[in-house]
All heavy atoms as atom14 arrays in JSON, in Angstrom:
{
  "sequence": "LDVHLVEPMQRRTDWLSTTVADLELANVTVHRGRAEEFVGVLSAPW",
  "atom14_mask": [
    [1, 1, 1, 1, 1, 1, 1, 1, 0, 0, 0, 0, 0, 0],
    [1, 1, 1, 1, 1, 1, 1, 1, 0, 0, 0, 0, 0, 0],
    [1, 1, 1, 1, 1, 1, 1, 0, 0, 0, 0, 0, 0, 0],
    [1, 1, 1, 1, 1, 1, 1, 1, 1, 1, 0, 0, 0, 0],
    [1, 1, 1, 1, 1, 1, 1, 1, 0, 0, 0, 0, 0, 0],
    [1, 1, 1, 1, 1, 1, 1, 0, 0, 0, 0, 0, 0, 0],
    [1, 1, 1, 1, 1, 1, 1, 1, 1, 0, 0, 0, 0, 0],
    [1, 1, 1, 1, 1, 1, 1, 0, 0, 0, 0, 0, 0, 0],
    [1, 1, 1, 1, 1, 1, 1, 1, 0, 0, 0, 0, 0, 0],
    [1, 1, 1, 1, 1, 1, 1, 1, 1, 0, 0, 0, 0, 0],
    [1, 1, 1, 1, 1, 1, 1, 1, 1, 1, 1, 0, 0, 0],
    [1, 1, 1, 1, 1, 1, 1, 1, 1, 1, 1, 0, 0, 0],
    [1, 1, 1, 1, 1, 1, 1, 0, 0, 0, 0, 0, 0, 0],
    [1, 1, 1, 1, 1, 1, 1, 1, 0, 0, 0, 0, 0, 0],
    [1, 1, 1, 1, 1, 1, 1, 1, 1, 1, 1, 1, 1, 1],
    [1, 1, 1, 1, 1, 1, 1, 1, 0, 0, 0, 0, 0, 0],
    [1, 1, 1, 1, 1, 1, 0, 0, 0, 0, 0, 0, 0, 0],
    [1, 1, 1, 1, 1, 1, 1, 0, 0, 0, 0, 0, 0, 0],
    [1, 1, 1, 1, 1, 1, 1, 0, 0, 0, 0, 0, 0, 0],
    [1, 1, 1, 1, 1, 1, 1, 0, 0, 0, 0, 0, 0, 0],
    [1, 1, 1, 1, 1, 0, 0, 0, 0, 0, 0, 0, 0, 0],
    [1, 1, 1, 1, 1, 1, 1, 1, 0, 0, 0, 0, 0, 0],
    [1, 1, 1, 1, 1, 1, 1, 1, 0, 0, 0, 0, 0, 0],
    [1, 1, 1, 1, 1, 1, 1, 1, 1, 0, 0, 0, 0, 0],
    [1, 1, 1, 1, 1, 1, 1, 1, 0, 0, 0, 0, 0, 0],
    [1, 1, 1, 1, 1, 0, 0, 0, 0, 0, 0, 0, 0, 0],
    [1, 1, 1, 1, 1, 1, 1, 1, 0, 0, 0, 0, 0, 0],
    [1, 1, 1, 1, 1, 1, 1, 0, 0, 0, 0, 0, 0, 0],
    [1, 1, 1, 1, 1, 1, 1, 0, 0, 0, 0, 0, 0, 0],
    [1, 1, 1, 1, 1, 1, 1, 0, 0, 0, 0, 0, 0, 0],
    [1, 1, 1, 1, 1, 1, 1, 1, 1, 1, 0, 0, 0, 0],
    [1, 1, 1, 1, 1, 1, 1, 1, 1, 1, 1, 0, 0, 0],
    [1, 1, 1, 1, 0, 0, 0, 0, 0, 0, 0, 0, 0, 0],
    [1, 1, 1, 1, 1, 1, 1, 1, 1, 1, 1, 0, 0, 0],
    [1, 1, 1, 1, 1, 0, 0, 0, 0, 0, 0, 0, 0, 0],
    [1, 1, 1, 1, 1, 1, 1, 1, 1, 0, 0, 0, 0, 0],
    [1, 1, 1, 1, 1, 1, 1, 1, 1, 0, 0, 0, 0, 0],
    [1, 1, 1, 1, 1, 1, 1, 1, 1, 1, 1, 0, 0, 0],
    [1, 1, 1, 1, 1, 1, 1, 0, 0, 0, 0, 0, 0, 0],
    [1, 1, 1, 1, 0, 0, 0, 0, 0, 0, 0, 0, 0, 0],
    [1, 1, 1, 1, 1, 1, 1, 0, 0, 0, 0, 0, 0, 0],
    [1, 1, 1, 1, 1, 1, 1, 1, 0, 0, 0, 0, 0, 0],
    [1, 1, 1, 1, 1, 1, 0, 0, 0, 0, 0, 0, 0, 0],
    [1, 1, 1, 1, 1, 0, 0, 0, 0, 0, 0, 0, 0, 0],
    [1, 1, 1, 1, 1, 1, 1, 0, 0, 0, 0, 0, 0, 0],
    [1, 1, 1, 1, 1, 1, 1, 1, 1, 1, 1, 1, 1, 1]
  ],
  "atom14_positions": [
    [[68.53, 30.45, -5.61], [68.31, 29.14, -5.0], [67.17, 29.19, -3.99], [66.97, 30.21, -3.32], [69.58, 28.65, -4.3], [70.81, 28.38, -5.17], [71.97, 27.93, -4.28], [70.51, 27.34, -6.24], [0.0, 0.0, 0.0], [0.0, 0.0, 0.0], [0.0, 0.0, 0.0], [0.0, 0.0, 0.0], [0.0, 0.0, 0.0], [0.0, 0.0, 0.0]],
    [[66.45, 28.08, -3.88], [65.4, 27.91, -2.86], [66.01, 27.02, -1.78], [66.07, 25.8, -1.94], [64.17, 27.25, -3.5], [63.05, 26.98, -2.5], [63.09, 27.56, -1.4], [62.15, 26.18, -2.82], [0.0, 0.0, 0.0], [0.0, 0.0, 0.0], [0.0, 0.0, 0.0], [0.0, 0.0, 0.0], [0.0, 0.0, 0.0], [0.0, 0.0, 0.0]],
    [[66.47, 27.62, -0.69], [67.26, 26.91, 0.31], [66.42, 26.58, 1.54], [65.74, 27.44, 2.1], [68.49, 27.76, 0.74], [69.31, 27.02, 1.79], [69.35, 28.09, -0.48], [0.0, 0.0, 0.0], [0.0, 0.0, 0.0], [0.0, 0.0, 0.0], [0.0, 0.0, 0.0], [0.0, 0.0, 0.0], [0.0, 0.0, 0.0], [0.0, 0.0, 0.0]],
    [[66.5, 25.33, 1.97], [65.77, 24.85, 3.15], [66.77, 24.34, 4.18], [67.54, 23.41, 3.9], [64.79, 23.75, 2.75], [63.68, 24.24, 1.89], [62.42, 24.5, 2.37], [63.67, 24.57, 0.56], [61.67, 24.95, 1.38], [62.39, 25.0, 0.27], [0.0, 0.0, 0.0], [0.0, 0.0, 0.0], [0.0, 0.0, 0.0], [0.0, 0.0, 0.0]],
    [[66.77, 24.95, 5.35], [67.69, 24.58, 6.42], [67.01, 23.62, 7.38], [65.97, 23.95, 7.96], [68.13, 25.84, 7.19], [68.61, 27.04, 6.36], [69.02, 28.18, 7.29], [69.77, 26.65, 5.44], [0.0, 0.0, 0.0], [0.0, 0.0, 0.0], [0.0, 0.0, 0.0], [0.0, 0.0, 0.0], [0.0, 0.0, 0.0], [0.0, 0.0, 0.0]],
    [[67.58, 22.44, 7.54], [67.03, 21.43, 8.46], [67.97, 21.28, 9.64], [69.14, 20.95, 9.48], [66.86, 20.07, 7.75], [66.44, 19.0, 8.74], [65.84, 20.19, 6.62], [0.0, 0.0, 0.0], [0.0, 0.0, 0.0], [0.0, 0.0, 0.0], [0.0, 0.0, 0.0], [0.0, 0.0, 0.0], [0.0, 0.0, 0.0], [0.0, 0.0, 0.0]],
    [[67.44, 21.56, 10.83], [68.26, 21.55, 12.05], [67.38, 21.1, 13.21], [66.3, 21.66, 13.44], [68.82, 22.95, 12.31], [69.44, 23.17, 13.67], [70.58, 22.2, 13.98], [71.46, 22.02, 13.1], [70.58, 21.61, 15.08], [0.0, 0.0, 0.0], [0.0, 0.0, 0.0], [0.0, 0.0, 0.0], [0.0, 0.0, 0.0], [0.0, 0.0, 0.0]],
    [[67.81, 20.09, 14.0], [66.95, 19.56, 15.06], [66.89, 20.38, 16.34], [65.92, 20.28, 17.09], [67.55, 18.18, 15.34], [68.99, 18.32, 14.97], [68.99, 19.25, 13.78], [0.0, 0.0, 0.0], [0.0, 0.0, 0.0], [0.0, 0.0, 0.0], [0.0, 0.0, 0.0], [0.0, 0.0, 0.0], [0.0, 0.0, 0.0], [0.0, 0.0, 0.0]],
    [[67.9, 21.2, 16.64], [67.96, 21.88, 17.93], [67.21, 23.22, 17.92], [67.45, 24.07, 17.04], [69.42, 22.1, 18.35], [70.19, 20.81, 18.59], [71.86, 21.1, 19.2], [71.51, 21.83, 20.8], [0.0, 0.0, 0.0], [0.0, 0.0, 0.0], [0.0, 0.0, 0.0], [0.0, 0.0, 0.0], [0.0, 0.0, 0.0], [0.0, 0.0, 0.0]],
    [[66.32, 23.41, 18.89], [65.48, 24.6, 18.96], [66.3, 25.9, 19.01], [66.01, 26.85, 18.28], [64.59, 24.53, 20.2], [63.67, 25.73, 20.39], [62.5, 25.74, 19.43], [61.73, 24.8, 19.39], [62.37, 26.8, 18.65], [0.0, 0.0, 0.0], [0.0, 0.0, 0.0], [0.0, 0.0, 0.0], [0.0, 0.0, 0.0], [0.0, 0.0, 0.0]],
    [[67.33, 25.94, 19.86], [68.09, 27.19, 19.99], [68.8, 27.54, 18.68], [68.99, 28.71, 18.37], [69.1, 27.11, 21.14], [70.21, 26.08, 21.0], [71.12, 26.06, 22.21], [72.14, 25.03, 22.14], [73.29, 25.15, 21.48], [73.55, 26.29, 20.84], [74.17, 24.17, 21.46], [0.0, 0.0, 0.0], [0.0, 0.0, 0.0], [0.0, 0.0, 0.0]],
    [[69.18, 26.5, 17.93], [69.84, 26.76, 16.65], [68.84, 27.24, 15.6], [69.14, 28.15, 14.82], [70.56, 25.51, 16.16], [71.78, 25.17, 17.01], [72.48, 23.93, 16.5], [73.67, 23.63, 17.29], [74.44, 22.56, 17.09], [74.15, 21.69, 16.13], [75.5, 22.37, 17.85], [0.0, 0.0, 0.0], [0.0, 0.0, 0.0], [0.0, 0.0, 0.0]],
    [[67.65, 26.63, 15.57], [66.66, 27.08, 14.59], [66.16, 28.49, 14.92], [65.88, 29.28, 14.02], [65.47, 26.11, 14.49], [64.92, 25.89, 15.79], [65.91, 24.78, 13.9], [0.0, 0.0, 0.0], [0.0, 0.0, 0.0], [0.0, 0.0, 0.0], [0.0, 0.0, 0.0], [0.0, 0.0, 0.0], [0.0, 0.0, 0.0], [0.0, 0.0, 0.0]],
    [[66.08, 28.81, 16.2], [65.71, 30.18, 16.6], [66.76, 31.17, 16.08], [66.43, 32.23, 15.55], [65.59, 30.29, 18.12], [64.37, 29.58, 18.67], [63.47, 29.24, 17.88], [64.3, 29.36, 19.9], [0.0, 0.0, 0.0], [0.0, 0.0, 0.0], [0.0, 0.0, 0.0], [0.0, 0.0, 0.0], [0.0, 0.0, 0.0], [0.0, 0.0, 0.0]],
    [[68.03, 30.8, 16.28], [69.12, 31.65, 15.81], [69.09, 31.78, 14.29], [69.27, 32.86, 13.74], [70.47, 31.09, 16.28], [71.65, 31.92, 15.87], [72.2, 32.96, 16.56], [72.41, 31.79, 14.67], [73.27, 33.49, 15.87], [73.42, 32.79, 14.69], [72.35, 30.94, 13.57], [74.35, 32.95, 13.68], [73.28, 31.1, 12.54], [74.27, 32.09, 12.59]],
    [[68.88, 30.67, 13.62], [68.83, 30.69, 12.15], [67.7, 31.58, 11.65], [67.89, 32.37, 10.72], [68.65, 29.26, 11.61], [69.88, 28.35, 11.66], [69.48, 26.91, 11.36], [70.94, 28.83, 10.67], [0.0, 0.0, 0.0], [0.0, 0.0, 0.0], [0.0, 0.0, 0.0], [0.0, 0.0, 0.0], [0.0, 0.0, 0.0], [0.0, 0.0, 0.0]],
    [[66.53, 31.46, 12.27], [65.39, 32.28, 11.85], [65.67, 33.76, 12.04], [65.35, 34.59, 11.18], [64.14, 31.88, 12.63], [63.76, 30.55, 12.34], [0.0, 0.0, 0.0], [0.0, 0.0, 0.0], [0.0, 0.0, 0.0], [0.0, 0.0, 0.0], [0.0, 0.0, 0.0], [0.0, 0.0, 0.0], [0.0, 0.0, 0.0], [0.0, 0.0, 0.0]],
    [[66.29, 34.1, 13.17], [66.64, 35.5, 13.44], [67.67, 36.0, 12.44], [67.57, 37.13, 11.94], [67.19, 35.64, 14.88], [66.2, 35.23, 15.82], [67.6, 37.08, 15.16], [0.0, 0.0, 0.0], [0.0, 0.0, 0.0], [0.0, 0.0, 0.0], [0.0, 0.0, 0.0], [0.0, 0.0, 0.0], [0.0, 0.0, 0.0], [0.0, 0.0, 0.0]],
    [[68.65, 35.17, 12.14], [69.71, 35.55, 11.2], [69.16, 35.74, 9.8], [69.49, 36.71, 9.1], [70.82, 34.49, 11.19], [71.39, 34.4, 12.5], [71.91, 34.84, 10.19], [0.0, 0.0, 0.0], [0.0, 0.0, 0.0], [0.0, 0.0, 0.0], [0.0, 0.0, 0.0], [0.0, 0.0, 0.0], [0.0, 0.0, 0.0], [0.0, 0.0, 0.0]],
    [[68.31, 34.82, 9.36], [67.7, 34.92, 8.03], [66.89, 36.2, 7.92], [66.92, 36.9, 6.9], [66.83, 33.68, 7.75], [65.94, 33.9, 6.53], [67.71, 32.45, 7.55], [0.0, 0.0, 0.0], [0.0, 0.0, 0.0], [0.0, 0.0, 0.0], [0.0, 0.0, 0.0], [0.0, 0.0, 0.0], [0.0, 0.0, 0.0], [0.0, 0.0, 0.0]],
    [[66.15, 36.55, 8.98], [65.36, 37.78, 8.99], [66.26, 39.01, 8.96], [65.99, 39.98, 8.23], [64.46, 37.82, 10.22], [0.0, 0.0, 0.0], [0.0, 0.0, 0.0], [0.0, 0.0, 0.0], [0.0, 0.0, 0.0], [0.0, 0.0, 0.0], [0.0, 0.0, 0.0], [0.0, 0.0, 0.0], [0.0, 0.0, 0.0], [0.0, 0.0, 0.0]],
    [[67.35, 38.98, 9.73], [68.3, 40.1, 9.79], [68.91, 40.34, 8.41], [69.06, 41.5, 7.98], [69.4, 39.79, 10.81], [70.29, 40.98, 11.1], [70.69, 41.68, 10.15], [70.62, 41.21, 12.28], [0.0, 0.0, 0.0], [0.0, 0.0, 0.0], [0.0, 0.0, 0.0], [0.0, 0.0, 0.0], [0.0, 0.0, 0.0], [0.0, 0.0, 0.0]],
    [[69.25, 39.25, 7.7], [69.88, 39.37, 6.39], [68.86, 39.59, 5.27], [69.24, 39.8, 4.12], [70.69, 38.1, 6.09], [71.83, 37.78, 7.05], [72.5, 36.47, 6.67], [72.87, 38.91, 7.07], [0.0, 0.0, 0.0], [0.0, 0.0, 0.0], [0.0, 0.0, 0.0], [0.0, 0.0, 0.0], [0.0, 0.0, 0.0], [0.0, 0.0, 0.0]],
    [[67.57, 39.52, 5.62], [66.47, 39.71, 4.66], [66.58, 38.73, 3.49], [66.45, 39.11, 2.32], [66.43, 41.15, 4.16], [66.18, 42.16, 5.28], [66.08, 43.59, 4.77], [66.36, 43.83, 3.57], [65.71, 44.48, 5.56], [0.0, 0.0, 0.0], [0.0, 0.0, 0.0], [0.0, 0.0, 0.0], [0.0, 0.0, 0.0], [0.0, 0.0, 0.0]],
    [[66.79, 37.47, 3.82], [66.92, 36.42, 2.8], [65.55, 35.81, 2.54], [65.06, 34.98, 3.3], [67.9, 35.35, 3.27], [69.35, 35.81, 3.48], [70.18, 34.67, 4.05], [69.95, 36.31, 2.16], [0.0, 0.0, 0.0], [0.0, 0.0, 0.0], [0.0, 0.0, 0.0], [0.0, 0.0, 0.0], [0.0, 0.0, 0.0], [0.0, 0.0, 0.0]],
    [[64.95, 36.2, 1.44], [63.62, 35.71, 1.09], [63.64, 34.3, 0.52], [62.59, 33.68, 0.35], [62.97, 36.65, 0.08], [0.0, 0.0, 0.0], [0.0, 0.0, 0.0], [0.0, 0.0, 0.0], [0.0, 0.0, 0.0], [0.0, 0.0, 0.0], [0.0, 0.0, 0.0], [0.0, 0.0, 0.0], [0.0, 0.0, 0.0], [0.0, 0.0, 0.0]],
    [[64.83, 33.78, 0.22], [64.95, 32.47, -0.42], [65.34, 31.36, 0.56], [65.8, 30.3, 0.15], [65.99, 32.53, -1.55], [67.38, 32.95, -1.08], [67.51, 33.71, -0.13], [68.41, 32.46, -1.75], [0.0, 0.0, 0.0], [0.0, 0.0, 0.0], [0.0, 0.0, 0.0], [0.0, 0.0, 0.0], [0.0, 0.0, 0.0], [0.0, 0.0, 0.0]],
    [[65.12, 31.6, 1.87], [65.5, 30.6, 2.88], [64.31, 30.26, 3.77], [63.59, 31.15, 4.22], [66.66, 31.12, 3.77], [67.0, 30.09, 4.85], [67.89, 31.42, 2.92], [0.0, 0.0, 0.0], [0.0, 0.0, 0.0], [0.0, 0.0, 0.0], [0.0, 0.0, 0.0], [0.0, 0.0, 0.0], [0.0, 0.0, 0.0], [0.0, 0.0, 0.0]],
    [[64.13, 28.95, 4.02], [63.11, 28.47, 4.94], [63.8, 27.61, 6.0], [64.64, 26.76, 5.65], [62.05, 27.63, 4.22], [61.49, 28.39, 3.14], [60.94, 27.22, 5.19], [0.0, 0.0, 0.0], [0.0, 0.0, 0.0], [0.0, 0.0, 0.0], [0.0, 0.0, 0.0], [0.0, 0.0, 0.0], [0.0, 0.0, 0.0], [0.0, 0.0, 0.0]],
    [[63.47, 27.82, 7.26], [64.07, 27.08, 8.37], [63.1, 26.01, 8.85], [61.91, 26.3, 9.08], [64.45, 28.02, 9.53], [65.06, 27.22, 10.69], [65.42, 29.1, 9.05], [0.0, 0.0, 0.0], [0.0, 0.0, 0.0], [0.0, 0.0, 0.0], [0.0, 0.0, 0.0], [0.0, 0.0, 0.0], [0.0, 0.0, 0.0], [0.0, 0.0, 0.0]],
    [[63.59, 24.79, 9.03], [62.78, 23.68, 9.5], [63.43, 23.07, 10.74], [64.62, 22.73, 10.69], [62.65, 22.58, 8.44], [62.16, 23.06, 7.11], [60.82, 23.04, 6.77], [62.83, 23.58, 6.04], [60.69, 23.51, 5.53], [61.89, 23.84, 5.07], [0.0, 0.0, 0.0], [0.0, 0.0, 0.0], [0.0, 0.0, 0.0], [0.0, 0.0, 0.0]],
    [[62.67, 22.89, 11.81], [63.24, 22.25, 13.0], [62.87, 20.77, 13.03], [61.7, 20.4, 12.94], [62.75, 22.92, 14.29], [63.41, 22.32, 15.55], [63.12, 23.15, 16.78], [61.73, 23.04, 17.2], [61.27, 22.08, 18.0], [62.09, 21.13, 18.46], [59.99, 22.06, 18.35], [0.0, 0.0, 0.0], [0.0, 0.0, 0.0], [0.0, 0.0, 0.0]],
    [[63.89, 19.93, 13.15], [63.68, 18.49, 13.22], [64.85, 17.75, 12.61], [65.73, 18.35, 11.98], [0.0, 0.0, 0.0], [0.0, 0.0, 0.0], [0.0, 0.0, 0.0], [0.0, 0.0, 0.0], [0.0, 0.0, 0.0], [0.0, 0.0, 0.0], [0.0, 0.0, 0.0], [0.0, 0.0, 0.0], [0.0, 0.0, 0.0], [0.0, 0.0, 0.0]],
    [[64.87, 16.44, 12.8], [65.9, 15.6, 12.2], [65.52, 15.29, 10.76], [64.34, 15.27, 10.4], [66.07, 14.32, 13.0], [66.5, 14.56, 14.45], [66.71, 13.26, 15.2], [67.06, 13.5, 16.58], [68.3, 13.81, 17.0], [69.28, 13.9, 16.12], [68.54, 14.03, 18.28], [0.0, 0.0, 0.0], [0.0, 0.0, 0.0], [0.0, 0.0, 0.0]],
    [[66.53, 14.99, 9.96], [66.29, 14.72, 8.55], [65.25, 13.62, 8.36], [64.35, 13.74, 7.51], [67.6, 14.33, 7.87], [0.0, 0.0, 0.0], [0.0, 0.0, 0.0], [0.0, 0.0, 0.0], [0.0, 0.0, 0.0], [0.0, 0.0, 0.0], [0.0, 0.0, 0.0], [0.0, 0.0, 0.0], [0.0, 0.0, 0.0], [0.0, 0.0, 0.0]],
    [[65.33, 12.56, 9.18], [64.42, 11.43, 9.01], [62.97, 11.8, 9.29], [62.05, 11.11, 8.84], [64.85, 10.25, 9.89], [65.06, 10.58, 11.35], [66.49, 10.92, 11.71], [67.17, 11.59, 10.89], [66.93, 10.51, 12.8], [0.0, 0.0, 0.0], [0.0, 0.0, 0.0], [0.0, 0.0, 0.0], [0.0, 0.0, 0.0], [0.0, 0.0, 0.0]],
    [[62.75, 12.89, 10.04], [61.39, 13.33, 10.33], [60.73, 14.0, 9.13], [59.51, 14.18, 9.1], [61.39, 14.3, 11.51], [61.85, 13.7, 12.83], [61.9, 14.74, 13.94], [60.87, 15.42, 14.14], [62.96, 14.89, 14.58], [0.0, 0.0, 0.0], [0.0, 0.0, 0.0], [0.0, 0.0, 0.0], [0.0, 0.0, 0.0], [0.0, 0.0, 0.0]],
    [[61.52, 14.38, 8.13], [60.99, 15.09, 6.97], [60.82, 14.22, 5.74], [60.46, 14.72, 4.67], [61.89, 16.29, 6.65], [61.81, 17.38, 7.68], [62.77, 17.48, 8.67], [60.75, 18.27, 7.68], [62.7, 18.47, 9.65], [60.66, 19.28, 8.65], [61.63, 19.37, 9.63], [0.0, 0.0, 0.0], [0.0, 0.0, 0.0], [0.0, 0.0, 0.0]],
    [[61.07, 12.92, 5.9], [60.87, 12.01, 4.78], [59.39, 11.99, 4.4], [58.52, 11.78, 5.24], [61.35, 10.58, 5.13], [61.06, 9.62, 3.98], [62.83, 10.59, 5.45], [0.0, 0.0, 0.0], [0.0, 0.0, 0.0], [0.0, 0.0, 0.0], [0.0, 0.0, 0.0], [0.0, 0.0, 0.0], [0.0, 0.0, 0.0], [0.0, 0.0, 0.0]],
    [[59.11, 12.26, 3.14], [57.72, 12.34, 2.68], [57.09, 13.69, 2.91], [55.96, 13.93, 2.47], [0.0, 0.0, 0.0], [0.0, 0.0, 0.0], [0.0, 0.0, 0.0], [0.0, 0.0, 0.0], [0.0, 0.0, 0.0], [0.0, 0.0, 0.0], [0.0, 0.0, 0.0], [0.0, 0.0, 0.0], [0.0, 0.0, 0.0], [0.0, 0.0, 0.0]],
    [[57.8, 14.58, 3.59], [57.29, 15.93, 3.88], [58.07, 16.99, 3.11], [57.5, 17.93, 2.54], [57.38, 16.23, 5.39], [56.91, 17.65, 5.69], [56.57, 15.22, 6.19], [0.0, 0.0, 0.0], [0.0, 0.0, 0.0], [0.0, 0.0, 0.0], [0.0, 0.0, 0.0], [0.0, 0.0, 0.0], [0.0, 0.0, 0.0], [0.0, 0.0, 0.0]],
    [[59.38, 16.83, 3.06], [60.27, 17.78, 2.41], [61.21, 17.01, 1.49], [61.82, 16.02, 1.9], [61.08, 18.54, 3.46], [62.1, 19.58, 2.96], [61.37, 20.74, 2.27], [62.94, 20.11, 4.13], [0.0, 0.0, 0.0], [0.0, 0.0, 0.0], [0.0, 0.0, 0.0], [0.0, 0.0, 0.0], [0.0, 0.0, 0.0], [0.0, 0.0, 0.0]],
    [[61.33, 17.45, 0.25], [62.24, 16.78, -0.68], [62.76, 17.79, -1.69], [62.17, 18.86, -1.89], [61.54, 15.62, -1.4], [60.46, 16.1, -2.19], [0.0, 0.0, 0.0], [0.0, 0.0, 0.0], [0.0, 0.0, 0.0], [0.0, 0.0, 0.0], [0.0, 0.0, 0.0], [0.0, 0.0, 0.0], [0.0, 0.0, 0.0], [0.0, 0.0, 0.0]],
    [[63.87, 17.45, -2.34], [64.49, 18.33, -3.32], [65.44, 17.52, -4.2], [65.9, 16.44, -3.81], [65.26, 19.46, -2.63], [0.0, 0.0, 0.0], [0.0, 0.0, 0.0], [0.0, 0.0, 0.0], [0.0, 0.0, 0.0], [0.0, 0.0, 0.0], [0.0, 0.0, 0.0], [0.0, 0.0, 0.0], [0.0, 0.0, 0.0], [0.0, 0.0, 0.0]],
    [[65.78, 18.03, -5.38], [66.74, 17.34, -6.24], [68.17, 17.43, -5.7], [69.04, 16.68, -6.14], [66.62, 18.07, -7.57], [65.34, 18.84, -7.5], [65.18, 19.18, -6.06], [0.0, 0.0, 0.0], [0.0, 0.0, 0.0], [0.0, 0.0, 0.0], [0.0, 0.0, 0.0], [0.0, 0.0, 0.0], [0.0, 0.0, 0.0], [0.0, 0.0, 0.0]],
    [[68.39, 18.37, -4.76], [69.73, 18.6, -4.25], [69.7, 18.67, -2.72], [68.85, 19.35, -2.14], [70.29, 19.93, -4.79], [70.36, 19.96, -6.28], [69.36, 20.34, -7.13], [71.46, 19.57, -7.1], [69.78, 20.22, -8.42], [71.07, 19.75, -8.43], [72.75, 19.11, -6.81], [71.91, 19.47, -9.51], [73.6, 18.82, -7.87], [73.18, 19.0, -9.19]]
  ]
}
């Protein structure tokens, strides 16, 4: 799976980025912001 994590809070996205790196998950991308901020920028079938 190509997984994209959308989370508005900085401390949470920092934690997510660190966790993804620790787990060596190459299939995860972390995005900071609210869902509505990514309309037209990020999209997926799921």
